[in-house]
PDB file of N, CA and C in Angstrom:
ATOM      1  N   MET A   1     144.302 140.880  -3.129  1.00  0.00           N
ATOM      2  CA  MET A   1     145.542 140.479  -2.509  1.00  0.00           C
ATOM      3  C   MET A   1     145.294 139.428  -1.421  1.00  0.00           C
ATOM      4  N   THR A   2     144.272 139.621  -0.606  1.00  0.00           N
ATOM      5  CA  THR A   2     143.951 138.653   0.437  1.00  0.00           C
ATOM      6  C   THR A   2     143.588 137.313  -0.181  1.00  0.00           C
ATOM      7  N   HIS A   3     142.895 137.342  -1.307  1.00  0.00           N
ATOM      8  CA  HIS A   3     142.499 136.115  -1.990  1.00  0.00           C
ATOM      9  C   HIS A   3     143.736 135.293  -2.385  1.00  0.00           C
ATOM     10  N   ILE A   4     144.786 135.969  -2.839  1.00  0.00           N
ATOM     11  CA  ILE A   4     146.026 135.285  -3.232  1.00  0.00           C
ATOM     12  C   ILE A   4     146.676 134.643  -2.018  1.00  0.00           C
ATOM     13  N   LYS A   5     146.705 135.358  -0.880  1.00  0.00           N
ATOM     14  CA  LYS A   5     147.298 134.808   0.336  1.00  0.00           C
ATOM     15  C   LYS A   5     146.541 133.579   0.807  1.00  0.00           C
ATOM     16  N   ILE A   6     145.219 133.637   0.770  1.00  0.00           N
ATOM     17  CA  ILE A   6     144.412 132.499   1.207  1.00  0.00           C
ATOM     18  C   ILE A   6     144.646 131.306   0.291  1.00  0.00           C
ATOM     19  N   LYS A   7     144.727 131.540  -1.003  1.00  0.00           N
ATOM     20  CA  LYS A   7     144.965 130.465  -1.958  1.00  0.00           C
ATOM     21  C   LYS A   7     146.345 129.846  -1.727  1.00  0.00           C
ATOM     22  N   SER A   8     147.342 130.684  -1.455  1.00  0.00           N
ATOM     23  CA  SER A   8     148.691 130.204  -1.181  1.00  0.00           C
ATOM     24  C   SER A   8     148.710 129.358   0.090  1.00  0.00           C
ATOM     25  N   LEU A   9     148.015 129.813   1.138  1.00  0.00           N
ATOM     26  CA  LEU A   9     147.933 129.062   2.388  1.00  0.00           C
ATOM     27  C   LEU A   9     147.225 127.733   2.158  1.00  0.00           C
ATOM     28  N   LYS A  10     146.161 127.764   1.391  1.00  0.00           N
ATOM     29  CA  LYS A  10     145.410 126.540   1.093  1.00  0.00           C
ATOM     30  C   LYS A  10     146.312 125.524   0.404  1.00  0.00           C
ATOM     31  N   ASN A  11     147.111 125.970  -0.554  1.00  0.00           N
ATOM     32  CA  ASN A  11     148.027 125.063  -1.250  1.00  0.00           C
ATOM     33  C   ASN A  11     149.065 124.484  -0.292  1.00  0.00           C
ATOM     34  N   THR A  12     149.600 125.318   0.602  1.00  0.00           N
ATOM     35  CA  THR A  12     150.596 124.856   1.571  1.00  0.00           C
ATOM     36  C   THR A  12     149.986 123.827   2.510  1.00  0.00           C
ATOM     37  N   VAL A  13     148.788 124.099   3.006  1.00  0.00           N
ATOM     38  CA  VAL A  13     148.116 123.178   3.922  1.00  0.00           C
ATOM     39  C   VAL A  13     147.782 121.869   3.201  1.00  0.00           C
ATOM     40  N   GLU A  14     147.372 121.945   1.959  1.00  0.00           N
ATOM     41  CA  GLU A  14     147.081 120.727   1.197  1.00  0.00           C
ATOM     42  C   GLU A  14     148.333 119.877   1.015  1.00  0.00           C
ATOM     43  N   GLU A  15     149.484 120.519   0.818  1.00  0.00           N
ATOM     44  CA  GLU A  15     150.741 119.776   0.707  1.00  0.00           C
ATOM     45  C   GLU A  15     151.100 119.094   2.022  1.00  0.00           C
ATOM     46  N   LEU A  16     150.793 119.748   3.130  1.00  0.00           N
ATOM     47  CA  LEU A  16     151.084 119.172   4.443  1.00  0.00           C
ATOM     48  C   LEU A  16     150.217 117.958   4.724  1.00  0.00           C
ATOM     49  N   GLY A  17     148.987 118.009   4.324  1.00  0.00           N
ATOM     50  CA  GLY A  17     148.031 116.966   4.665  1.00  0.00           C
ATOM     51  C   GLY A  17     147.174 117.440   5.832  1.00  0.00           C
ATOM     52  N   HIS A  18     146.377 116.538   6.373  1.00  0.00           N
ATOM     53  CA  HIS A  18     145.429 116.920   7.424  1.00  0.00           C
ATOM     54  C   HIS A  18     145.862 116.432   8.796  1.00  0.00           C
ATOM     55  N   ASN A  19     147.115 116.131   8.947  1.00  0.00           N
ATOM     56  CA  ASN A  19     147.598 115.565  10.198  1.00  0.00           C
ATOM     57  C   ASN A  19     148.243 116.619  11.097  1.00  0.00           C
ATOM     58  N   PHE A  20     147.825 117.879  10.957  1.00  0.00           N
ATOM     59  CA  PHE A  20     148.423 118.972  11.717  1.00  0.00           C
ATOM     60  C   PHE A  20     147.348 119.878  12.296  1.00  0.00           C
ATOM     61  N   VAL A  21     147.671 120.510  13.426  1.00  0.00           N
ATOM     62  CA  VAL A  21     146.778 121.449  14.098  1.00  0.00           C
ATOM     63  C   VAL A  21     147.488 122.794  14.164  1.00  0.00           C
ATOM     64  N   PHE A  22     146.761 123.880  13.951  1.00  0.00           N
ATOM     65  CA  PHE A  22     147.327 125.223  14.069  1.00  0.00           C
ATOM     66  C   PHE A  22     146.822 125.867  15.350  1.00  0.00           C
ATOM     67  N   HIS A  23     147.722 126.539  16.046  1.00  0.00           N
ATOM     68  CA  HIS A  23     147.372 127.216  17.293  1.00  0.00           C
ATOM     69  C   HIS A  23     148.045 128.577  17.334  1.00  0.00           C
ATOM     70  N   PHE A  24     147.277 129.608  17.732  1.00  0.00           N
ATOM     71  CA  PHE A  24     147.844 130.946  17.887  1.00  0.00           C
ATOM     72  C   PHE A  24     148.132 131.177  19.359  1.00  0.00           C
ATOM     73  N   ASN A  25     149.380 131.480  19.691  1.00  0.00           N
ATOM     74  CA  ASN A  25     149.787 131.796  21.050  1.00  0.00           C
ATOM     75  C   ASN A  25     149.740 133.315  21.207  1.00  0.00           C
ATOM     76  N   GLY A  26     148.744 133.796  21.923  1.00  0.00           N
ATOM     77  CA  GLY A  26     148.542 135.226  22.097  1.00  0.00           C
ATOM     78  C   GLY A  26     149.610 135.903  22.942  1.00  0.00           C
ATOM     79  N   TYR A  27     150.284 135.140  23.789  1.00  0.00           N
ATOM     80  CA  TYR A  27     151.350 135.711  24.620  1.00  0.00           C
ATOM     81  C   TYR A  27     152.600 136.004  23.807  1.00  0.00           C
ATOM     82  N   GLN A  28     152.883 135.126  22.855  1.00  0.00           N
ATOM     83  CA  GLN A  28     154.082 135.284  22.025  1.00  0.00           C
ATOM     84  C   GLN A  28     153.756 135.900  20.665  1.00  0.00           C
ATOM     85  N   ASN A  29     152.476 136.030  20.351  1.00  0.00           N
ATOM     86  CA  ASN A  29     152.023 136.499  19.035  1.00  0.00           C
ATOM     87  C   ASN A  29     152.606 135.654  17.910  1.00  0.00           C
ATOM     88  N   LEU A  30     152.571 134.336  18.103  1.00  0.00           N
ATOM     89  CA  LEU A  30     153.080 133.397  17.100  1.00  0.00           C
ATOM     90  C   LEU A  30     152.036 132.339  16.799  1.00  0.00           C
ATOM     91  N   TRP A  31     152.044 131.889  15.555  1.00  0.00           N
ATOM     92  CA  TRP A  31     151.254 130.740  15.131  1.00  0.00           C
ATOM     93  C   TRP A  31     152.130 129.498  15.221  1.00  0.00           C
ATOM     94  N   TYR A  32     151.552 128.388  15.631  1.00  0.00           N
ATOM     95  CA  TYR A  32     152.281 127.124  15.698  1.00  0.00           C
ATOM     96  C   TYR A  32     151.569 126.072  14.864  1.00  0.00           C
ATOM     97  N   CYS A  33     152.353 125.252  14.215  1.00  0.00           N
ATOM     98  CA  CYS A  33     151.859 124.110  13.451  1.00  0.00           C
ATOM     99  C   CYS A  33     152.318 122.870  14.206  1.00  0.00           C
ATOM    100  N   ILE A  34     151.371 122.071  14.670  1.00  0.00           N
ATOM    101  CA  ILE A  34     151.655 120.951  15.564  1.00  0.00           C
ATOM    102  C   ILE A  34     151.176 119.654  14.928  1.00  0.00           C
ATOM    103  N   PRO A  35     152.051 118.643  14.828  1.00  0.00           N
ATOM    104  CA  PRO A  35     151.589 117.331  14.361  1.00  0.00           C
ATOM    105  C   PRO A  35     150.541 116.773  15.336  1.00  0.00           C
ATOM    106  N   ARG A  36     149.472 116.218  14.817  1.00  0.00           N
ATOM    107  CA  ARG A  36     148.393 115.716  15.676  1.00  0.00           C
ATOM    108  C   ARG A  36     148.869 114.671  16.683  1.00  0.00           C
ATOM    109  N   ASP A  37     149.814 113.828  16.272  1.00  0.00           N
ATOM    110  CA  ASP A  37     150.267 112.783  17.193  1.00  0.00           C
ATOM    111  C   ASP A  37     151.146 113.333  18.315  1.00  0.00           C
ATOM    112  N   GLN A  38     151.521 114.608  18.245  1.00  0.00           N
ATOM    113  CA  GLN A  38     152.339 115.230  19.280  1.00  0.00           C
ATOM    114  C   GLN A  38     151.613 116.394  19.949  1.00  0.00           C
ATOM    115  N   TYR A  39     150.307 116.444  19.769  1.00  0.00           N
ATOM    116  CA  TYR A  39     149.491 117.533  20.281  1.00  0.00           C
ATOM    117  C   TYR A  39     149.536 117.608  21.811  1.00  0.00           C
ATOM    118  N   ASN A  40     149.440 116.461  22.486  1.00  0.00           N
ATOM    119  CA  ASN A  40     149.486 116.458  23.955  1.00  0.00           C
ATOM    120  C   ASN A  40     150.827 116.958  24.468  1.00  0.00           C
ATOM    121  N   ASP A  41     151.901 116.583  23.802  1.00  0.00           N
ATOM    122  CA  ASP A  41     153.230 117.053  24.206  1.00  0.00           C
ATOM    123  C   ASP A  41     153.318 118.574  24.133  1.00  0.00           C
ATOM    124  N   TYR A  42     152.730 119.163  23.112  1.00  0.00           N
ATOM    125  CA  TYR A  42     152.736 120.616  22.950  1.00  0.00           C
ATOM    126  C   TYR A  42     152.076 121.289  24.162  1.00  0.00           C
ATOM    127  N   TRP A  43     150.920 120.780  24.573  1.00  0.00           N
ATOM    128  CA  TRP A  43     150.191 121.384  25.695  1.00  0.00           C
ATOM    129  C   TRP A  43     150.825 121.067  27.038  1.00  0.00           C
ATOM    130  N   ASN A  44     151.649 120.043  27.102  1.00  0.00           N
ATOM    131  CA  ASN A  44     152.346 119.691  28.346  1.00  0.00           C
ATOM    132  C   ASN A  44     153.733 120.313  28.416  1.00  0.00           C
ATOM    133  N   ASN A  45     154.004 121.285  27.545  1.00  0.00           N
ATOM    134  CA  ASN A  45     155.271 122.014  27.508  1.00  0.00           C
ATOM    135  C   ASN A  45     156.481 121.117  27.281  1.00  0.00           C
ATOM    136  N   ILE A  46     156.284 120.008  26.591  1.00  0.00           N
ATOM    137  CA  ILE A  46     157.403 119.149  26.232  1.00  0.00           C
ATOM    138  C   ILE A  46     157.986 119.696  24.934  1.00  0.00           C
ATOM    139  N   LYS A  47     159.265 120.048  24.954  1.00  0.00           N
ATOM    140  CA  LYS A  47     159.912 120.633  23.771  1.00  0.00           C
ATOM    141  C   LYS A  47     159.853 119.634  22.627  1.00  0.00           C
ATOM    142  N   ASN A  48     159.460 120.134  21.486  1.00  0.00           N
ATOM    143  CA  ASN A  48     159.258 119.275  20.335  1.00  0.00           C
ATOM    144  C   ASN A  48     159.853 119.944  19.104  1.00  0.00           C
ATOM    145  N   LYS A  49     160.847 119.293  18.515  1.00  0.00           N
ATOM    146  CA  LYS A  49     161.487 119.868  17.334  1.00  0.00           C
ATOM    147  C   LYS A  49     160.571 119.844  16.115  1.00  0.00           C
ATOM    148  N   ASN A  50     159.512 119.021  16.158  1.00  0.00           N
ATOM    149  CA  ASN A  50     158.597 118.924  15.019  1.00  0.00           C
ATOM    150  C   ASN A  50     157.499 119.975  15.047  1.00  0.00           C
ATOM    151  N   CYS A  51     157.439 120.779  16.101  1.00  0.00           N
ATOM    152  CA  CYS A  51     156.459 121.849  16.203  1.00  0.00           C
ATOM    153  C   CYS A  51     157.108 123.132  15.695  1.00  0.00           C
ATOM    154  N   THR A  52     156.513 123.749  14.688  1.00  0.00           N
ATOM    155  CA  THR A  52     157.116 124.950  14.116  1.00  0.00           C
ATOM    156  C   THR A  52     156.244 126.164  14.385  1.00  0.00           C
ATOM    157  N   GLY A  53     156.877 127.314  14.493  1.00  0.00           N
ATOM    158  CA  GLY A  53     156.158 128.553  14.750  1.00  0.00           C
ATOM    159  C   GLY A  53     156.519 129.626  13.744  1.00  0.00           C
ATOM    160  N   GLY A  54     155.653 130.623  13.645  1.00  0.00           N
ATOM    161  CA  GLY A  54     155.916 131.736  12.746  1.00  0.00           C
ATOM    162  C   GLY A  54     155.013 132.916  13.054  1.00  0.00           C
ATOM    163  N   GLN A  55     155.344 134.056  12.494  1.00  0.00           N
ATOM    164  CA  GLN A  55     154.555 135.276  12.693  1.00  0.00           C
ATOM    165  C   GLN A  55     153.170 135.158  12.059  1.00  0.00           C
ATOM    166  N   THR A  56     153.073 134.346  11.005  1.00  0.00           N
ATOM    167  CA  THR A  56     151.790 134.127  10.338  1.00  0.00           C
ATOM    168  C   THR A  56     151.524 132.630  10.280  1.00  0.00           C
ATOM    169  N   ILE A  57     150.281 132.289  10.053  1.00  0.00           N
ATOM    170  CA  ILE A  57     149.924 130.874   9.949  1.00  0.00           C
ATOM    171  C   ILE A  57     150.608 130.248   8.728  1.00  0.00           C
ATOM    172  N   GLU A  58     150.756 131.035   7.669  1.00  0.00           N
ATOM    173  CA  GLU A  58     151.415 130.531   6.463  1.00  0.00           C
ATOM    174  C   GLU A  58     152.895 130.251   6.721  1.00  0.00           C
ATOM    175  N   GLU A  59     153.557 131.121   7.476  1.00  0.00           N
ATOM    176  CA  GLU A  59     154.970 130.921   7.797  1.00  0.00           C
ATOM    177  C   GLU A  59     155.161 129.639   8.621  1.00  0.00           C
ATOM    178  N   ALA A  60     154.284 129.413   9.598  1.00  0.00           N
ATOM    179  CA  ALA A  60     154.364 128.198  10.411  1.00  0.00           C
ATOM    180  C   ALA A  60     154.141 126.958   9.542  1.00  0.00           C
ATOM    181  N   ALA A  61     153.178 127.026   8.630  1.00  0.00           N
ATOM    182  CA  ALA A  61     152.885 125.895   7.744  1.00  0.00           C
ATOM    183  C   ALA A  61     154.051 125.619   6.798  1.00  0.00           C
ATOM    184  N   LYS A  62     154.645 126.682   6.245  1.00  0.00           N
ATOM    185  CA  LYS A  62     155.767 126.489   5.323  1.00  0.00           C
ATOM    186  C   LYS A  62     156.986 125.890   6.032  1.00  0.00           C
ATOM    187  N   LYS A  63     157.225 126.318   7.278  1.00  0.00           N
ATOM    188  CA  LYS A  63     158.333 125.734   8.046  1.00  0.00           C
ATOM    189  C   LYS A  63     158.087 124.252   8.295  1.00  0.00           C
ATOM    190  N   MET A  64     156.829 123.902   8.609  1.00  0.00           N
ATOM    191  CA  MET A  64     156.497 122.495   8.839  1.00  0.00           C
ATOM    192  C   MET A  64     156.675 121.700   7.560  1.00  0.00           C
ATOM    193  N   LEU A  65     156.264 122.263   6.442  1.00  0.00           N
ATOM    194  CA  LEU A  65     156.418 121.592   5.154  1.00  0.00           C
ATOM    195  C   LEU A  65     157.896 121.369   4.852  1.00  0.00           C
ATOM    196  N   LYS A  66     158.725 122.369   5.138  1.00  0.00           N
ATOM    197  CA  LYS A  66     160.160 122.250   4.928  1.00  0.00           C
ATOM    198  C   LYS A  66     160.741 121.143   5.815  1.00  0.00           C
ATOM    199  N   ASN A  67     160.338 121.095   7.088  1.00  0.00           N
ATOM    200  CA  ASN A  67     160.791 120.041   7.997  1.00  0.00           C
ATOM    201  C   ASN A  67     160.349 118.671   7.518  1.00  0.00           C
ATOM    202  N   LYS A  68     159.110 118.598   7.066  1.00  0.00           N
ATOM    203  CA  LYS A  68     158.529 117.325   6.616  1.00  0.00           C
ATOM    204  C   LYS A  68     159.274 116.799   5.395  1.00  0.00           C
ATOM    205  N   THR A  69     159.603 117.677   4.445  1.00  0.00           N
ATOM    206  CA  THR A  69     160.287 117.231   3.232  1.00  0.00           C
ATOM    207  C   THR A  69     161.751 116.915   3.493  1.00  0.00           C
ATOM    208  N   SER A  70     162.359 117.576   4.475  1.00  0.00           N
ATOM    209  CA  SER A  70     163.787 117.309   4.767  1.00  0.00           C
ATOM    210  C   SER A  70     163.963 115.993   5.517  1.00  0.00           C
ATOM    211  N   GLU A  71     162.891 115.471   6.143  1.00  0.00           N
ATOM    212  CA  GLU A  71     162.964 114.203   6.856  1.00  0.00           C
ATOM    213  C   GLU A  71     163.021 113.027   5.901  1.00  0.00           C
ATOM    214  N   LYS A  72     162.519 113.215   4.693  1.00  0.00           N
ATOM    215  CA  LYS A  72     162.437 112.097   3.727  1.00  0.00           C
ATOM    216  C   LYS A  72     163.789 111.741   3.162  1.00  0.00           C
TER     217      LYS A  72
END
């Protein structure tokens, strides 16, 4: 079962590309997917609509993928 989840995450990340960073916020217990070009804004607490969060790393990645495809 874990193997399937990892494969699914790998496919999602491959669809996103390599221009994103994942960060786990231990205070909120959330994973965040951050565009690399907006990484400094994330750490400077600048609100960013392009930064997505989720309970799992896969959820954060899928939300980012959804945002990325809806922009086109």
